[in-house]
N, C-alpha and C. Protein backbone atom coordinates (compact mmCIF):
# COMPACT_ATOMS: atom_id res chain seq x y z
N MET A 1 42.30 331.22 112.47
CA MET A 1 41.56 331.54 113.79
C MET A 1 41.72 331.89 115.31
N ASP A 2 41.30 333.08 115.57
CA ASP A 2 42.09 333.44 116.73
C ASP A 2 41.57 332.74 118.30
N PHE A 3 42.43 331.91 118.89
CA PHE A 3 41.65 331.66 119.89
C PHE A 3 42.23 331.99 120.77
N SER A 4 41.01 332.23 122.39
CA SER A 4 41.53 332.75 123.36
C SER A 4 42.82 332.06 124.02
N ARG A 5 43.17 332.85 124.69
CA ARG A 5 44.39 332.11 125.57
C ARG A 5 44.55 330.62 126.27
N ASN A 6 43.38 330.36 126.49
CA ASN A 6 43.44 329.08 127.17
C ASN A 6 42.70 327.93 126.13
N GLY A 7 42.18 328.27 125.07
CA GLY A 7 41.76 327.46 123.84
C GLY A 7 42.94 327.46 123.55
N ARG A 8 44.37 327.98 122.93
CA ARG A 8 45.63 327.50 122.58
C ARG A 8 46.30 326.58 123.16
N ILE A 9 45.92 327.20 124.93
CA ILE A 9 46.67 326.25 125.68
C ILE A 9 46.10 324.61 125.56
N TYR A 10 45.04 324.68 125.74
CA TYR A 10 44.34 323.02 125.76
C TYR A 10 44.16 322.76 123.96
N LEU A 11 44.48 323.54 123.35
CA LEU A 11 45.03 323.34 121.63
C LEU A 11 46.70 322.46 122.22
N ALA A 12 46.90 323.21 122.14
CA ALA A 12 48.72 322.42 122.71
C ALA A 12 48.26 321.80 123.27
N GLU A 13 48.31 320.93 124.16
CA GLU A 13 47.61 320.14 125.16
C GLU A 13 47.78 318.52 124.30
N LEU A 14 46.45 318.72 123.75
CA LEU A 14 45.39 317.89 122.97
C LEU A 14 46.24 317.59 121.67
N ILE A 15 47.35 318.69 121.13
CA ILE A 15 48.22 318.06 119.84
C ILE A 15 49.41 317.69 120.38
N GLY A 16 49.60 317.85 121.56
CA GLY A 16 51.22 317.14 122.14
C GLY A 16 50.57 315.75 122.53
N THR A 17 49.33 315.39 123.19
CA THR A 17 49.20 314.17 123.70
C THR A 17 49.18 313.62 122.50
N PHE A 18 48.55 314.09 121.94
CA PHE A 18 48.42 313.26 120.29
C PHE A 18 49.19 312.41 119.70
N ALA A 19 50.36 313.33 119.37
CA ALA A 19 51.85 312.92 119.23
C ALA A 19 52.00 311.64 120.06
N LEU A 20 52.22 312.21 121.25
CA LEU A 20 53.11 311.34 121.92
C LEU A 20 52.23 310.03 122.12
N THR A 21 50.93 310.15 122.33
CA THR A 21 50.06 308.85 121.56
C THR A 21 50.29 307.90 120.66
N PHE A 22 50.43 308.77 119.36
CA PHE A 22 50.02 308.35 117.83
C PHE A 22 51.81 307.37 117.87
N ILE A 23 52.89 308.50 118.13
CA ILE A 23 54.67 307.91 118.16
C ILE A 23 54.85 306.87 118.69
N GLY A 24 54.25 307.05 120.02
CA GLY A 24 54.32 306.40 121.49
C GLY A 24 53.68 305.01 120.87
N ALA A 25 52.37 304.69 120.63
CA ALA A 25 51.66 303.34 120.53
C ALA A 25 52.07 303.24 119.48
N GLY A 26 52.29 304.08 118.38
CA GLY A 26 51.80 303.36 116.85
C GLY A 26 53.40 303.16 116.81
N SER A 27 54.67 302.94 117.88
CA SER A 27 55.17 302.25 117.58
C SER A 27 55.15 300.68 118.00
N ILE A 28 55.16 300.77 118.91
CA ILE A 28 53.98 299.29 119.30
C ILE A 28 53.53 298.61 118.61
N ALA A 29 52.84 299.58 117.95
CA ALA A 29 51.57 298.62 117.20
C ALA A 29 51.68 298.05 115.90
N ASN A 30 53.03 298.58 115.14
CA ASN A 30 53.42 298.40 114.13
C ASN A 30 53.86 296.90 114.21
N GLY A 31 53.60 295.53 114.03
CA GLY A 31 53.51 294.67 114.28
C GLY A 31 55.41 293.96 114.75
N GLY A 32 55.77 295.19 115.79
CA GLY A 32 57.33 294.53 116.64
C GLY A 32 57.86 295.25 115.82
N GLN A 33 57.81 296.00 114.67
CA GLN A 33 59.08 296.37 114.15
C GLN A 33 59.81 297.11 114.67
N ALA A 34 59.54 298.18 116.04
CA ALA A 34 60.46 298.41 117.11
C ALA A 34 61.04 297.49 117.84
N ALA A 35 61.99 297.46 118.66
CA ALA A 35 62.25 296.68 120.10
C ALA A 35 62.32 297.25 120.92
N LEU A 36 62.46 296.83 121.89
CA LEU A 36 62.52 297.99 123.24
C LEU A 36 63.24 298.92 122.86
N VAL A 37 64.17 298.81 122.66
CA VAL A 37 65.12 300.57 122.51
C VAL A 37 64.55 301.53 122.08
N GLY A 38 63.70 300.54 120.67
CA GLY A 38 63.15 301.80 119.52
C GLY A 38 61.74 302.33 119.97
N ILE A 39 60.90 301.41 121.00
CA ILE A 39 60.15 302.09 121.33
C ILE A 39 60.65 303.39 122.31
N ALA A 40 61.04 302.80 123.30
CA ALA A 40 61.39 303.72 124.76
C ALA A 40 61.91 305.51 124.15
N PHE A 41 62.79 305.08 122.53
CA PHE A 41 63.56 306.29 121.91
C PHE A 41 62.33 307.15 121.09
N ALA A 42 60.98 306.13 120.55
CA ALA A 42 60.00 306.92 120.09
C ALA A 42 59.34 307.89 120.91
N HIS A 43 58.89 306.80 122.43
CA HIS A 43 58.43 308.23 123.14
C HIS A 43 58.98 309.16 123.61
N GLY A 44 60.13 308.72 123.94
CA GLY A 44 61.19 309.75 124.63
C GLY A 44 61.58 311.00 123.18
N LEU A 45 61.44 310.80 121.99
CA LEU A 45 61.90 311.94 121.25
C LEU A 45 60.80 312.39 120.95
N ALA A 46 59.18 311.78 121.28
CA ALA A 46 58.17 312.17 120.61
C ALA A 46 57.05 313.68 122.11
N ILE A 47 58.64 312.88 123.06
CA ILE A 47 58.22 314.09 124.22
C ILE A 47 58.78 315.45 123.71
N MET A 48 60.26 314.95 123.65
CA MET A 48 60.89 316.07 123.54
C MET A 48 60.88 317.24 122.28
N THR A 49 60.20 316.04 121.46
CA THR A 49 60.17 317.44 120.35
C THR A 49 58.46 318.17 121.03
N MET A 50 57.80 317.41 121.05
CA MET A 50 56.27 318.43 121.43
C MET A 50 56.70 319.53 122.42
N ILE A 51 57.85 319.31 123.26
CA ILE A 51 58.35 320.43 124.36
C ILE A 51 58.53 321.16 123.66
N TYR A 52 59.51 321.25 122.52
CA TYR A 52 60.27 322.39 122.05
C TYR A 52 59.31 323.11 120.84
N ALA A 53 58.63 322.23 120.57
CA ALA A 53 57.10 322.91 119.89
C ALA A 53 56.27 323.47 120.57
N LEU A 54 56.00 322.94 121.09
CA LEU A 54 54.87 324.02 122.32
C LEU A 54 54.40 323.97 123.67
N GLY A 55 55.98 323.93 124.25
CA GLY A 55 55.89 324.12 125.81
C GLY A 55 55.99 325.41 126.01
N HIS A 56 56.10 326.44 125.04
CA HIS A 56 56.26 328.22 125.97
C HIS A 56 54.50 328.47 125.55
N ILE A 57 53.71 327.45 124.70
CA ILE A 57 52.30 327.92 124.72
C ILE A 57 52.01 326.96 126.45
N SER A 58 51.61 326.02 126.55
CA SER A 58 51.16 325.22 127.49
C SER A 58 51.88 324.34 128.41
N GLY A 59 53.26 324.60 128.42
CA GLY A 59 54.28 323.78 129.38
C GLY A 59 54.39 322.82 128.90
N ILE A 60 53.38 321.83 128.11
CA ILE A 60 53.27 320.77 127.64
C ILE A 60 53.20 319.67 128.46
N HIS A 61 52.31 319.69 129.47
CA HIS A 61 52.46 318.83 130.33
C HIS A 61 51.91 317.24 129.78
N ILE A 62 51.37 317.17 128.81
CA ILE A 62 50.59 315.95 127.89
C ILE A 62 50.77 314.84 128.13
N ASN A 63 50.26 314.34 129.97
CA ASN A 63 50.11 313.84 131.05
C ASN A 63 49.37 313.96 132.40
N PRO A 64 48.18 313.61 132.54
CA PRO A 64 47.47 313.99 133.50
C PRO A 64 48.78 313.54 135.11
N ALA A 65 49.32 312.81 135.25
CA ALA A 65 50.09 313.01 136.52
C ALA A 65 51.53 313.49 136.86
N ILE A 66 51.68 314.78 135.64
CA ILE A 66 52.22 315.82 135.35
C ILE A 66 51.59 316.84 135.89
N THR A 67 50.12 317.16 135.47
CA THR A 67 49.21 317.80 135.93
C THR A 67 48.79 317.98 137.24
N VAL A 68 48.10 316.54 137.76
CA VAL A 68 48.61 316.57 139.27
C VAL A 68 49.58 316.57 139.85
N GLY A 69 50.46 316.39 139.61
CA GLY A 69 52.06 316.55 140.36
C GLY A 69 51.96 318.40 140.58
N LEU A 70 51.65 318.93 139.40
CA LEU A 70 51.76 320.50 139.76
C LEU A 70 50.86 320.85 140.12
N LEU A 71 49.70 320.67 140.28
CA LEU A 71 48.55 320.90 141.42
C LEU A 71 49.05 320.81 142.86
N VAL A 72 49.18 319.58 143.07
CA VAL A 72 49.82 319.37 144.52
C VAL A 72 50.81 320.52 145.02
N GLY A 73 51.49 320.23 143.98
CA GLY A 73 52.96 321.52 144.25
C GLY A 73 52.40 322.66 144.08
N GLY A 74 51.15 323.09 143.57
CA GLY A 74 50.42 324.64 143.78
C GLY A 74 50.82 325.51 142.67
N LYS A 75 51.11 324.69 141.46
CA LYS A 75 51.75 325.21 139.85
C LYS A 75 50.12 325.48 139.41
N ILE A 76 48.98 324.71 139.68
CA ILE A 76 47.98 325.25 138.80
C ILE A 76 47.16 324.95 139.61
N LYS A 77 46.31 325.91 138.92
CA LYS A 77 44.87 326.09 140.00
C LYS A 77 43.69 324.42 139.36
N LEU A 78 42.76 324.06 139.98
CA LEU A 78 42.34 322.35 139.92
C LEU A 78 41.07 322.89 138.74
N PRO A 79 40.20 324.37 138.71
CA PRO A 79 40.13 324.39 137.26
C PRO A 79 40.69 323.82 136.18
N ASP A 80 42.16 324.75 136.21
CA ASP A 80 42.47 324.58 134.70
C ASP A 80 43.32 322.90 134.87
N ALA A 81 43.56 322.36 135.75
CA ALA A 81 43.73 321.05 135.83
C ALA A 81 43.22 320.00 135.13
N ILE A 82 41.97 320.17 135.51
CA ILE A 82 40.33 319.61 134.73
C ILE A 82 40.64 319.82 133.27
N ALA A 83 40.64 320.92 132.97
CA ALA A 83 40.49 321.38 131.62
C ALA A 83 41.82 321.11 130.74
N TYR A 84 43.17 320.57 131.17
CA TYR A 84 44.13 320.46 131.09
C TYR A 84 44.29 318.79 131.01
N ILE A 85 43.81 317.85 131.67
CA ILE A 85 43.15 316.28 131.94
C ILE A 85 42.44 316.06 131.00
N ILE A 86 41.07 316.73 130.78
CA ILE A 86 40.34 316.93 129.70
C ILE A 86 41.17 316.70 128.44
N ALA A 87 42.14 318.04 128.14
CA ALA A 87 42.45 318.14 127.00
C ALA A 87 43.24 316.80 126.47
N GLN A 88 43.92 316.44 127.58
CA GLN A 88 44.73 315.36 127.10
C GLN A 88 44.00 313.74 127.02
N VAL A 89 43.03 313.50 127.61
CA VAL A 89 42.80 312.25 127.40
C VAL A 89 41.96 312.68 125.61
N VAL A 90 41.77 313.78 125.61
CA VAL A 90 40.89 313.76 124.05
C VAL A 90 41.97 313.85 123.06
N GLY A 91 42.84 314.02 123.59
CA GLY A 91 43.98 313.86 121.92
C GLY A 91 44.55 312.92 122.25
N ALA A 92 44.34 312.07 123.19
CA ALA A 92 45.42 310.42 123.09
C ALA A 92 44.10 309.68 122.69
N THR A 93 42.87 309.63 123.05
CA THR A 93 41.77 309.33 121.96
C THR A 93 41.89 309.41 120.81
N LEU A 94 42.02 310.73 120.37
CA LEU A 94 41.53 310.98 118.73
C LEU A 94 43.32 310.21 118.61
N ALA A 95 43.72 309.75 118.70
CA ALA A 95 45.33 309.22 118.85
C ALA A 95 45.03 308.11 118.50
N GLY A 96 44.25 307.20 119.39
CA GLY A 96 43.95 306.06 119.36
C GLY A 96 43.25 305.92 118.10
N PHE A 97 41.98 306.68 117.75
CA PHE A 97 41.47 306.75 116.85
C PHE A 97 42.11 306.48 115.30
N ALA A 98 43.16 307.37 115.22
CA ALA A 98 43.78 307.36 114.26
C ALA A 98 44.52 306.12 113.48
N LEU A 99 44.84 305.37 115.19
CA LEU A 99 45.66 304.31 114.82
C LEU A 99 44.44 303.40 114.04
N LEU A 100 43.56 303.26 114.76
CA LEU A 100 42.78 302.28 114.40
C LEU A 100 42.53 302.08 112.74
N VAL A 101 42.83 303.60 112.23
CA VAL A 101 42.42 303.71 110.78
C VAL A 101 43.26 303.05 110.06
N ILE A 102 44.83 303.33 110.26
CA ILE A 102 46.27 302.53 110.18
C ILE A 102 46.34 301.10 110.47
N PHE A 103 45.83 300.45 111.71
CA PHE A 103 45.70 299.45 111.99
C PHE A 103 43.86 298.59 112.55
N PRO A 104 43.35 298.20 111.48
CA PRO A 104 42.12 298.06 111.69
C PRO A 104 41.78 296.78 112.08
N ASP A 105 42.62 296.24 112.92
CA ASP A 105 42.64 294.90 113.21
C ASP A 105 43.15 295.11 114.55
N PRO A 106 42.60 295.35 115.72
CA PRO A 106 43.73 296.01 117.12
C PRO A 106 44.90 294.66 117.81
N ALA A 107 43.86 293.46 117.56
CA ALA A 107 44.14 292.25 118.00
C ALA A 107 45.66 291.99 117.32
N LYS A 108 45.56 291.96 116.08
CA LYS A 108 46.86 291.76 115.44
C LYS A 108 47.99 293.22 115.93
N ALA A 109 47.19 294.55 116.07
CA ALA A 109 48.16 295.52 116.83
C ALA A 109 48.41 295.70 117.71
N ALA A 110 49.12 294.47 118.47
CA ALA A 110 49.48 294.96 120.28
C ALA A 110 48.17 295.99 121.01
N PHE A 111 47.07 295.76 120.23
CA PHE A 111 45.61 296.57 120.98
C PHE A 111 45.92 297.84 120.66
N LEU A 112 46.89 298.41 119.56
CA LEU A 112 46.89 300.06 118.93
C LEU A 112 48.55 300.35 120.45
N GLY A 113 48.99 299.44 120.97
CA GLY A 113 50.09 300.15 121.71
C GLY A 113 49.61 300.18 123.12
N THR A 114 48.11 299.97 122.93
CA THR A 114 47.58 299.90 124.73
C THR A 114 49.11 299.35 126.05
N PRO A 115 49.12 299.93 126.93
CA PRO A 115 50.15 298.68 127.88
C PRO A 115 49.34 297.97 128.23
N THR A 116 50.18 297.05 128.53
CA THR A 116 49.61 295.69 129.22
C THR A 116 50.30 295.28 130.27
N LEU A 117 50.07 294.74 131.25
CA LEU A 117 51.03 293.77 132.20
C LEU A 117 51.52 292.59 131.73
N GLY A 118 52.69 292.69 131.97
CA GLY A 118 53.62 291.46 131.39
C GLY A 118 53.03 290.32 132.10
N ALA A 119 53.25 288.95 131.47
CA ALA A 119 52.98 287.58 132.75
C ALA A 119 53.54 287.28 134.01
N GLY A 120 52.59 287.37 134.56
CA GLY A 120 53.03 286.81 136.01
C GLY A 120 52.38 288.10 136.82
N VAL A 121 52.36 289.40 136.54
CA VAL A 121 53.40 290.72 136.93
C VAL A 121 51.04 290.73 137.91
N SER A 122 50.98 291.17 139.25
CA SER A 122 49.99 291.71 139.28
C SER A 122 49.40 292.94 139.45
N VAL A 123 48.76 293.29 139.59
CA VAL A 123 47.85 294.75 139.71
C VAL A 123 48.81 295.58 140.64
N THR A 124 48.80 294.79 141.89
CA THR A 124 49.46 295.56 142.82
C THR A 124 50.86 295.82 142.13
N THR A 125 51.52 294.98 141.76
CA THR A 125 53.18 294.59 141.79
C THR A 125 53.03 296.21 140.02
N GLY A 126 52.10 296.35 139.24
CA GLY A 126 51.95 297.36 138.62
C GLY A 126 51.93 298.41 138.60
N ILE A 127 50.87 298.56 139.47
CA ILE A 127 50.29 300.01 140.11
C ILE A 127 51.78 300.19 140.89
N PHE A 128 52.64 299.96 141.95
CA PHE A 128 53.75 300.31 142.57
C PHE A 128 54.57 300.51 141.63
N LEU A 129 55.33 299.66 140.34
CA LEU A 129 56.33 299.95 139.18
C LEU A 129 55.78 301.47 138.37
N GLU A 130 54.53 301.51 137.81
CA GLU A 130 53.85 302.83 137.37
C GLU A 130 54.06 303.88 138.59
N ALA A 131 54.20 303.87 140.02
CA ALA A 131 54.07 304.86 140.50
C ALA A 131 55.29 305.62 140.48
N ILE A 132 56.80 304.30 140.78
CA ILE A 132 57.58 304.34 141.00
C ILE A 132 58.45 305.32 139.95
N MET A 133 57.77 304.71 138.45
CA MET A 133 58.59 305.25 137.37
C MET A 133 57.93 306.92 137.28
N THR A 134 56.65 307.06 137.56
CA THR A 134 56.14 308.54 137.20
C THR A 134 56.92 309.48 137.89
N PHE A 135 57.01 309.15 139.20
CA PHE A 135 57.62 309.53 140.77
C PHE A 135 59.14 310.89 139.30
N PHE A 136 59.69 309.46 138.90
CA PHE A 136 60.84 310.13 138.18
C PHE A 136 60.88 310.98 137.31
N LEU A 137 59.32 310.73 136.45
CA LEU A 137 58.94 311.38 134.92
C LEU A 137 59.03 312.62 135.74
N VAL A 138 58.22 312.87 137.07
CA VAL A 138 57.33 314.57 137.39
C VAL A 138 58.24 314.98 138.31
N LEU A 139 59.38 314.20 138.86
CA LEU A 139 60.95 314.88 139.36
C LEU A 139 61.41 315.67 138.34
N THR A 140 61.62 315.08 137.10
CA THR A 140 62.72 315.66 136.21
C THR A 140 61.94 316.84 136.14
N VAL A 141 60.15 316.79 135.55
CA VAL A 141 59.80 318.10 135.22
C VAL A 141 59.62 318.91 136.32
N TRP A 142 59.70 318.88 137.66
CA TRP A 142 60.00 319.41 138.84
C TRP A 142 61.27 320.50 138.51
N GLY A 143 62.45 320.27 138.31
CA GLY A 143 63.64 320.28 138.43
C GLY A 143 63.94 320.47 137.40
N ALA A 144 63.70 320.15 135.91
CA ALA A 144 64.33 320.52 134.91
C ALA A 144 63.23 322.26 134.07
N ALA A 145 62.16 322.06 134.84
CA ALA A 145 61.16 322.65 133.45
C ALA A 145 60.36 323.59 134.79
N VAL A 146 60.20 323.15 135.80
CA VAL A 146 59.65 324.13 136.95
C VAL A 146 60.43 325.51 137.66
N ASP A 147 61.42 323.92 138.25
CA ASP A 147 62.30 325.14 139.00
C ASP A 147 63.25 325.89 138.34
N GLY A 148 63.61 324.86 137.05
CA GLY A 148 64.78 325.51 136.06
C GLY A 148 66.46 325.86 135.95
N ARG A 149 66.52 325.58 137.37
CA ARG A 149 67.68 325.81 137.53
C ARG A 149 69.10 324.90 136.97
N THR A 150 68.48 323.66 136.76
CA THR A 150 69.44 322.62 135.96
C THR A 150 69.65 322.62 134.65
N ALA A 151 68.16 322.30 134.47
CA ALA A 151 67.88 321.38 132.55
C ALA A 151 68.41 322.78 131.98
N GLY A 152 67.61 324.07 131.95
CA GLY A 152 67.83 324.91 131.33
C GLY A 152 67.60 325.06 129.66
N PRO A 153 68.03 325.12 128.65
CA PRO A 153 67.55 324.72 127.13
C PRO A 153 67.59 323.41 126.81
N ALA A 154 68.05 322.60 127.45
CA ALA A 154 67.98 321.21 127.43
C ALA A 154 66.78 320.52 128.50
N VAL A 155 66.07 321.27 128.86
CA VAL A 155 64.21 320.72 129.56
C VAL A 155 63.90 319.85 128.34
N GLY A 156 63.72 319.76 127.23
CA GLY A 156 63.20 318.57 126.37
C GLY A 156 63.90 317.64 126.24
N LEU A 157 65.46 317.43 126.08
CA LEU A 157 65.99 316.43 126.50
C LEU A 157 65.93 315.52 127.67
N ALA A 158 66.12 316.26 128.76
CA ALA A 158 66.09 316.19 129.45
C ALA A 158 64.87 315.03 130.37
N ILE A 159 63.40 315.54 129.85
CA ILE A 159 62.04 315.07 130.16
C ILE A 159 62.31 314.12 129.05
N GLY A 160 62.46 313.94 128.37
CA GLY A 160 62.55 313.17 127.16
C GLY A 160 63.25 311.85 127.21
N MET A 161 64.47 311.91 128.25
CA MET A 161 65.47 310.99 128.57
C MET A 161 64.86 310.43 129.58
N VAL A 162 63.86 310.80 130.29
CA VAL A 162 63.79 310.34 131.92
C VAL A 162 62.88 308.82 130.99
N VAL A 163 61.78 309.64 130.50
CA VAL A 163 60.88 308.84 129.91
C VAL A 163 61.55 307.89 129.47
N THR A 164 62.17 307.64 128.15
CA THR A 164 63.23 306.85 127.45
C THR A 164 63.86 305.63 128.73
N MET A 165 64.97 306.40 129.47
CA MET A 165 64.78 305.32 130.38
C MET A 165 63.97 304.30 131.24
N ASP A 166 62.91 304.71 131.98
CA ASP A 166 61.98 303.85 132.48
C ASP A 166 61.82 302.91 131.96
N ILE A 167 60.98 303.54 130.16
CA ILE A 167 60.33 302.49 129.57
C ILE A 167 61.72 301.25 129.49
N LEU A 168 63.01 301.87 129.48
CA LEU A 168 64.18 301.06 128.99
C LEU A 168 64.01 300.11 130.00
N MET A 169 63.48 300.38 131.38
CA MET A 169 63.14 299.10 132.58
C MET A 169 62.32 298.72 132.49
N GLY A 170 60.74 299.82 132.36
CA GLY A 170 59.16 298.68 133.02
C GLY A 170 58.55 298.37 131.72
N GLY A 171 59.58 298.42 130.84
CA GLY A 171 58.36 298.13 129.72
C GLY A 171 58.02 296.68 129.70
N PRO A 172 59.10 295.74 129.53
CA PRO A 172 58.49 294.67 129.73
C PRO A 172 57.58 294.21 130.45
N ILE A 173 57.10 295.02 131.74
CA ILE A 173 56.95 294.39 132.93
C ILE A 173 55.64 295.20 132.94
N THR A 174 55.48 296.63 132.38
CA THR A 174 53.69 296.66 132.37
C THR A 174 53.28 297.87 131.41
N GLY A 175 54.81 297.85 130.33
CA GLY A 175 54.44 299.44 129.55
C GLY A 175 54.91 300.34 129.58
N ALA A 176 55.46 300.30 130.75
CA ALA A 176 55.90 302.08 131.10
C ALA A 176 55.15 302.97 130.50
N ALA A 177 53.81 303.09 131.36
CA ALA A 177 53.05 304.26 130.46
C ALA A 177 53.16 305.32 130.97
N MET A 178 52.73 305.81 132.43
CA MET A 178 53.57 306.72 133.52
C MET A 178 52.53 308.02 133.02
N ASN A 179 51.31 307.76 132.13
CA ASN A 179 50.46 308.59 131.68
C ASN A 179 48.99 308.11 131.84
N PRO A 180 48.62 308.57 132.94
CA PRO A 180 46.75 308.07 132.15
C PRO A 180 46.33 308.02 130.96
N ALA A 181 46.32 309.53 129.75
CA ALA A 181 46.16 309.63 129.14
C ALA A 181 46.65 308.44 128.02
N ARG A 182 47.95 308.78 127.77
CA ARG A 182 48.49 307.80 127.30
C ARG A 182 47.94 306.53 126.48
N ALA A 183 47.50 305.61 128.06
CA ALA A 183 47.47 305.02 128.23
C ALA A 183 45.90 304.57 127.78
N ILE A 184 44.87 305.73 128.00
CA ILE A 184 43.34 305.29 127.85
C ILE A 184 42.84 305.18 126.37
N GLY A 185 43.78 306.32 125.58
CA GLY A 185 43.33 306.23 124.49
C GLY A 185 43.26 304.73 123.71
N PRO A 186 44.26 304.53 123.50
CA PRO A 186 44.67 303.40 122.49
C PRO A 186 43.71 302.13 123.26
N ALA A 187 43.56 302.41 124.38
CA ALA A 187 42.61 301.05 125.00
C ALA A 187 41.33 301.38 124.62
N ILE A 188 40.47 302.27 124.80
CA ILE A 188 39.53 303.03 124.25
C ILE A 188 39.23 302.33 122.90
N ALA A 189 40.27 302.77 121.58
CA ALA A 189 40.05 302.88 120.72
C ALA A 189 39.70 301.35 119.87
N SER A 190 40.94 300.87 120.93
CA SER A 190 40.96 299.37 120.79
C SER A 190 39.78 298.38 121.34
N GLY A 191 39.24 298.53 122.16
CA GLY A 191 38.33 298.24 123.42
C GLY A 191 38.81 297.23 124.22
N HIS A 192 40.71 297.24 124.30
CA HIS A 192 40.84 297.15 125.34
C HIS A 192 41.48 297.21 126.76
N LEU A 193 40.32 297.56 127.73
CA LEU A 193 40.34 298.05 128.79
C LEU A 193 41.18 297.25 129.86
N ASP A 194 41.83 296.56 129.56
CA ASP A 194 42.36 294.93 130.84
C ASP A 194 43.23 296.07 131.75
N ASN A 195 42.77 295.74 132.90
CA ASN A 195 43.82 296.35 134.07
C ASN A 195 43.52 298.25 134.02
N ALA A 196 43.28 298.84 133.32
CA ALA A 196 43.00 300.60 132.99
C ALA A 196 43.05 300.96 134.83
N LEU A 197 42.66 300.72 135.32
CA LEU A 197 43.30 301.52 136.84
C LEU A 197 44.81 301.50 137.05
N VAL A 198 45.32 300.97 136.57
CA VAL A 198 46.83 300.20 137.19
C VAL A 198 47.41 302.07 136.59
N TYR A 199 47.04 302.20 135.76
CA TYR A 199 47.67 303.38 134.42
C TYR A 199 46.96 304.65 134.99
N TRP A 200 46.05 304.49 135.58
CA TRP A 200 45.51 305.09 136.43
C TRP A 200 46.04 306.06 137.74
N ILE A 201 45.73 304.75 138.44
CA ILE A 201 46.09 304.88 139.84
C ILE A 201 47.87 305.01 140.48
N GLY A 202 48.53 304.20 139.85
CA GLY A 202 50.75 304.55 139.50
C GLY A 202 50.48 305.45 139.60
N PRO A 203 50.15 306.03 137.96
CA PRO A 203 50.66 307.36 137.83
C PRO A 203 50.29 308.70 138.53
N LEU A 204 49.15 308.36 139.04
CA LEU A 204 48.32 309.53 140.14
C LEU A 204 49.30 309.78 141.12
N LEU A 205 49.33 308.42 141.81
CA LEU A 205 49.79 308.46 143.14
C LEU A 205 51.53 308.97 142.89
N GLY A 206 52.36 308.05 141.91
CA GLY A 206 53.15 308.54 141.40
C GLY A 206 54.01 310.33 141.31
N GLY A 207 53.14 310.63 140.46
CA GLY A 207 52.89 312.36 140.36
C GLY A 207 52.42 313.08 141.34
N ALA A 208 51.61 312.52 142.37
CA ALA A 208 51.11 313.11 143.11
C ALA A 208 52.78 313.06 144.46
N VAL A 209 52.80 312.66 144.42
CA VAL A 209 54.17 312.73 145.91
C VAL A 209 55.40 313.63 145.28
N ALA A 210 55.75 313.00 144.17
CA ALA A 210 56.96 313.63 143.78
C ALA A 210 56.48 315.18 143.26
N GLY A 211 55.19 315.69 143.27
CA GLY A 211 55.24 317.55 143.18
C GLY A 211 55.08 317.54 144.76
N TRP A 212 54.49 316.64 145.59
CA TRP A 212 54.43 317.59 146.89
C TRP A 212 56.28 317.47 147.72
N LEU A 213 56.92 316.64 147.47
CA LEU A 213 58.02 316.72 147.89
C LEU A 213 58.99 317.55 147.25
N TYR A 214 58.56 318.12 145.31
CA TYR A 214 59.95 318.56 145.25
C TYR A 214 59.53 320.02 145.68
N SER A 215 57.94 320.35 146.13
CA SER A 215 57.41 321.70 146.21
C SER A 215 57.59 322.10 147.83
N GLN A 216 57.85 321.38 148.46
CA GLN A 216 58.14 321.36 150.24
C GLN A 216 59.91 321.29 150.27
N PHE A 217 60.35 320.08 149.76
CA PHE A 217 61.56 320.35 150.31
C PHE A 217 63.02 320.70 149.30
N PHE A 218 62.38 320.93 147.77
CA PHE A 218 63.40 320.90 147.00
C PHE A 218 63.40 322.28 146.12
N GLN A 219 62.07 322.85 145.88
CA GLN A 219 62.17 324.09 145.67
C GLN A 219 62.43 325.23 145.96
N LYS A 220 63.36 326.05 145.04
CA LYS A 220 63.52 327.35 145.35
C LYS A 220 62.60 327.94 146.11
N LYS A 221 62.85 328.49 147.18
CA LYS A 221 61.95 329.55 147.98
C LYS A 221 62.09 331.36 147.70
N ALA A 222 61.37 331.62 147.11
CA ALA A 222 61.14 332.92 146.72
C ALA A 222 62.40 334.11 148.36
């Protein structure tokens, strides 16, 4: 099938977000077979793989927070950003329902890997931590991929590893989503929408701050 340029871009975003959500959330939904380190690497490796597979098509944002960070920094226009985010949410939601086929009892499968707040963690704390972790992620995307003066061919590794390190720290506290699409896809499929706003407000805030900061103070000027 002959897709238009934009069609290919949005399809790449859909597939990339599907892969991240299916593998990442699936590593949690599989009954605890993967410990925290395994879950962290499942997410990081999925992102790294998709960057190398499809990054040349769409840039592989596969995360509304990254798209918003690029929008704030002037690297993408608003209509394109909206289309990216729609593709990401659709991809993540399809992954959530694919996981539902594999794990038909969501309550016994950690609600298909939906991120949740740890015991005693408040909504405010969750938003704060998600914002900080996403800040690191989007800052790395800018430095390694957008600016391009540091990571070079290792861009996928750099971005995959920042996700891994964030999950190793924040996984037990908030689930370390750093990605509204990754969070909402399994939540919709499992019907577990508790504290869903944490995973939109925190990541979008952190991504916007990182995009503004890098574009204003660190971006190489023409």
